[in-house]
Amino acid sequence: MNFIEIVKIEPYHAIRKWLSIKLIKTHFNPLFYIFQ
């Protein structure tokens, strides 16, 4: 299932989740988990 298909199913949740995953992958930071 690709990003576009997920967005069609549940847009807001999918975008937030996708951005969270992207953030973790690009800027891995322990503080992210503390302030999540």
PDB file of N, CA and C in Angstrom:
ATOM      1  N   MET A   1       0.852  -1.201   0.000  1.00  0.00           N
ATOM      2  CA  MET A   1       0.000   0.000   0.000  1.00  0.00           C
ATOM      3  C   MET A   1       0.885   1.248   0.000  1.00  0.00           C
ATOM      4  N   ASN A   2       0.684   2.103  -0.964  1.00  0.00           N
ATOM      5  CA  ASN A   2       1.519   3.297  -1.034  1.00  0.00           C
ATOM      6  C   ASN A   2       0.881   4.470  -0.306  1.00  0.00           C
ATOM      7  N   PHE A   3       1.589   5.576  -0.256  1.00  0.00           N
ATOM      8  CA  PHE A   3       1.159   6.748   0.508  1.00  0.00           C
ATOM      9  C   PHE A   3      -0.171   7.298   0.001  1.00  0.00           C
ATOM     10  N   ILE A   4      -0.343   7.357  -1.316  1.00  0.00           N
ATOM     11  CA  ILE A   4      -1.561   7.907  -1.910  1.00  0.00           C
ATOM     12  C   ILE A   4      -2.784   7.078  -1.512  1.00  0.00           C
ATOM     13  N   GLU A   5      -2.648   5.758  -1.535  1.00  0.00           N
ATOM     14  CA  GLU A   5      -3.760   4.884  -1.147  1.00  0.00           C
ATOM     15  C   GLU A   5      -4.131   5.069   0.320  1.00  0.00           C
ATOM     16  N   ILE A   6      -3.137   5.236   1.168  1.00  0.00           N
ATOM     17  CA  ILE A   6      -3.395   5.457   2.596  1.00  0.00           C
ATOM     18  C   ILE A   6      -4.137   6.779   2.803  1.00  0.00           C
ATOM     19  N   VAL A   7      -3.712   7.819   2.091  1.00  0.00           N
ATOM     20  CA  VAL A   7      -4.344   9.136   2.217  1.00  0.00           C
ATOM     21  C   VAL A   7      -5.819   9.074   1.814  1.00  0.00           C
ATOM     22  N   LYS A   8      -6.138   8.278   0.803  1.00  0.00           N
ATOM     23  CA  LYS A   8      -7.531   8.134   0.379  1.00  0.00           C
ATOM     24  C   LYS A   8      -8.384   7.496   1.467  1.00  0.00           C
ATOM     25  N   ILE A   9      -7.807   6.601   2.233  1.00  0.00           N
ATOM     26  CA  ILE A   9      -8.547   5.897   3.287  1.00  0.00           C
ATOM     27  C   ILE A   9      -8.767   6.800   4.508  1.00  0.00           C
ATOM     28  N   GLU A  10      -7.696   7.317   5.062  1.00  0.00           N
ATOM     29  CA  GLU A  10      -7.816   8.216   6.216  1.00  0.00           C
ATOM     30  C   GLU A  10      -6.756   9.307   6.131  1.00  0.00           C
ATOM     31  N   PRO A  11      -7.100  10.433   5.499  1.00  0.00           N
ATOM     32  CA  PRO A  11      -6.142  11.471   5.131  1.00  0.00           C
ATOM     33  C   PRO A  11      -5.336  12.036   6.302  1.00  0.00           C
ATOM     34  N   TYR A  12      -6.025  12.568   7.303  1.00  0.00           N
ATOM     35  CA  TYR A  12      -5.328  13.319   8.343  1.00  0.00           C
ATOM     36  C   TYR A  12      -4.418  12.426   9.179  1.00  0.00           C
ATOM     37  N   HIS A  13      -4.932  11.270   9.577  1.00  0.00           N
ATOM     38  CA  HIS A  13      -4.149  10.333  10.367  1.00  0.00           C
ATOM     39  C   HIS A  13      -2.942   9.838   9.570  1.00  0.00           C
ATOM     40  N   ALA A  14      -3.178   9.537   8.296  1.00  0.00           N
ATOM     41  CA  ALA A  14      -2.107   9.013   7.451  1.00  0.00           C
ATOM     42  C   ALA A  14      -0.999  10.039   7.259  1.00  0.00           C
ATOM     43  N   ILE A  15      -1.374  11.288   7.019  1.00  0.00           N
ATOM     44  CA  ILE A  15      -0.382  12.343   6.819  1.00  0.00           C
ATOM     45  C   ILE A  15       0.439  12.553   8.089  1.00  0.00           C
ATOM     46  N   ARG A  16      -0.239  12.600   9.228  1.00  0.00           N
ATOM     47  CA  ARG A  16       0.477  12.778  10.496  1.00  0.00           C
ATOM     48  C   ARG A  16       1.447  11.626  10.750  1.00  0.00           C
ATOM     49  N   LYS A  17       0.963  10.410  10.507  1.00  0.00           N
ATOM     50  CA  LYS A  17       1.802   9.232  10.712  1.00  0.00           C
ATOM     51  C   LYS A  17       2.993   9.245   9.759  1.00  0.00           C
ATOM     52  N   TRP A  18       2.732   9.584   8.497  1.00  0.00           N
ATOM     53  CA  TRP A  18       3.787   9.629   7.480  1.00  0.00           C
ATOM     54  C   TRP A  18       4.844  10.670   7.850  1.00  0.00           C
ATOM     55  N   LEU A  19       4.396  11.839   8.299  1.00  0.00           N
ATOM     56  CA  LEU A  19       5.328  12.890   8.696  1.00  0.00           C
ATOM     57  C   LEU A  19       6.152  12.470   9.915  1.00  0.00           C
ATOM     58  N   SER A  20       5.519  11.766  10.849  1.00  0.00           N
ATOM     59  CA  SER A  20       6.233  11.279  12.032  1.00  0.00           C
ATOM     60  C   SER A  20       7.337  10.307  11.635  1.00  0.00           C
ATOM     61  N   ILE A  21       6.989   9.362  10.752  1.00  0.00           N
ATOM     62  CA  ILE A  21       7.971   8.380  10.286  1.00  0.00           C
ATOM     63  C   ILE A  21       9.103   9.078   9.543  1.00  0.00           C
ATOM     64  N   LYS A  22       8.762  10.033   8.684  1.00  0.00           N
ATOM     65  CA  LYS A  22       9.758  10.775   7.912  1.00  0.00           C
ATOM     66  C   LYS A  22      10.687  11.550   8.852  1.00  0.00           C
ATOM     67  N   LEU A  23      10.104  12.154   9.885  1.00  0.00           N
ATOM     68  CA  LEU A  23      10.877  12.917  10.859  1.00  0.00           C
ATOM     69  C   LEU A  23      11.869  12.023  11.588  1.00  0.00           C
ATOM     70  N   ILE A  24      11.404  10.843  12.003  1.00  0.00           N
ATOM     71  CA  ILE A  24      12.271   9.901  12.706  1.00  0.00           C
ATOM     72  C   ILE A  24      13.419   9.459  11.800  1.00  0.00           C
ATOM     73  N   LYS A  25      13.107   9.160  10.541  1.00  0.00           N
ATOM     74  CA  LYS A  25      14.126   8.673   9.616  1.00  0.00           C
ATOM     75  C   LYS A  25      15.155   9.751   9.296  1.00  0.00           C
ATOM     76  N   THR A  26      14.700  11.002   9.117  1.00  0.00           N
ATOM     77  CA  THR A  26      15.604  12.055   8.667  1.00  0.00           C
ATOM     78  C   THR A  26      16.330  12.721   9.832  1.00  0.00           C
ATOM     79  N   HIS A  27      15.645  12.892  10.960  1.00  0.00           N
ATOM     80  CA  HIS A  27      16.253  13.554  12.120  1.00  0.00           C
ATOM     81  C   HIS A  27      15.984  12.723  13.360  1.00  0.00           C
ATOM     82  N   PHE A  28      16.719  11.658  13.536  1.00  0.00           N
ATOM     83  CA  PHE A  28      16.496  10.798  14.702  1.00  0.00           C
ATOM     84  C   PHE A  28      16.938  11.531  15.963  1.00  0.00           C
ATOM     85  N   ASN A  29      15.990  11.755  16.854  1.00  0.00           N
ATOM     86  CA  ASN A  29      16.246  12.560  18.044  1.00  0.00           C
ATOM     87  C   ASN A  29      15.478  11.990  19.233  1.00  0.00           C
ATOM     88  N   PRO A  30      16.168  11.597  20.308  1.00  0.00           N
ATOM     89  CA  PRO A  30      15.509  11.047  21.497  1.00  0.00           C
ATOM     90  C   PRO A  30      14.459  11.984  22.093  1.00  0.00           C
ATOM     91  N   LEU A  31      14.664  13.297  21.950  1.00  0.00           N
ATOM     92  CA  LEU A  31      13.712  14.258  22.494  1.00  0.00           C
ATOM     93  C   LEU A  31      12.345  14.138  21.830  1.00  0.00           C
ATOM     94  N   PHE A  32      12.322  13.658  20.602  1.00  0.00           N
ATOM     95  CA  PHE A  32      11.056  13.471  19.895  1.00  0.00           C
ATOM     96  C   PHE A  32      10.140  12.541  20.676  1.00  0.00           C
ATOM     97  N   TYR A  33      10.713  11.488  21.260  1.00  0.00           N
ATOM     98  CA  TYR A  33       9.913  10.525  22.009  1.00  0.00           C
ATOM     99  C   TYR A  33       9.437  11.105  23.339  1.00  0.00           C
ATOM    100  N   ILE A  34      10.242  11.973  23.929  1.00  0.00           N
ATOM    101  CA  ILE A  34       9.871  12.583  25.205  1.00  0.00           C
ATOM    102  C   ILE A  34       8.694  13.542  25.030  1.00  0.00           C
ATOM    103  N   PHE A  35       8.741  14.353  23.968  1.00  0.00           N
ATOM    104  CA  PHE A  35       7.717  15.384  23.755  1.00  0.00           C
ATOM    105  C   PHE A  35       6.609  14.951  22.803  1.00  0.00           C
ATOM    106  N   GLN A  36       6.559  13.678  22.489  1.00  0.00           N
ATOM    107  CA  GLN A  36       5.574  13.189  21.537  1.00  0.00           C
ATOM    108  C   GLN A  36       4.145  13.336  22.065  1.00  0.00           C
TER     109      GLN A  36
END
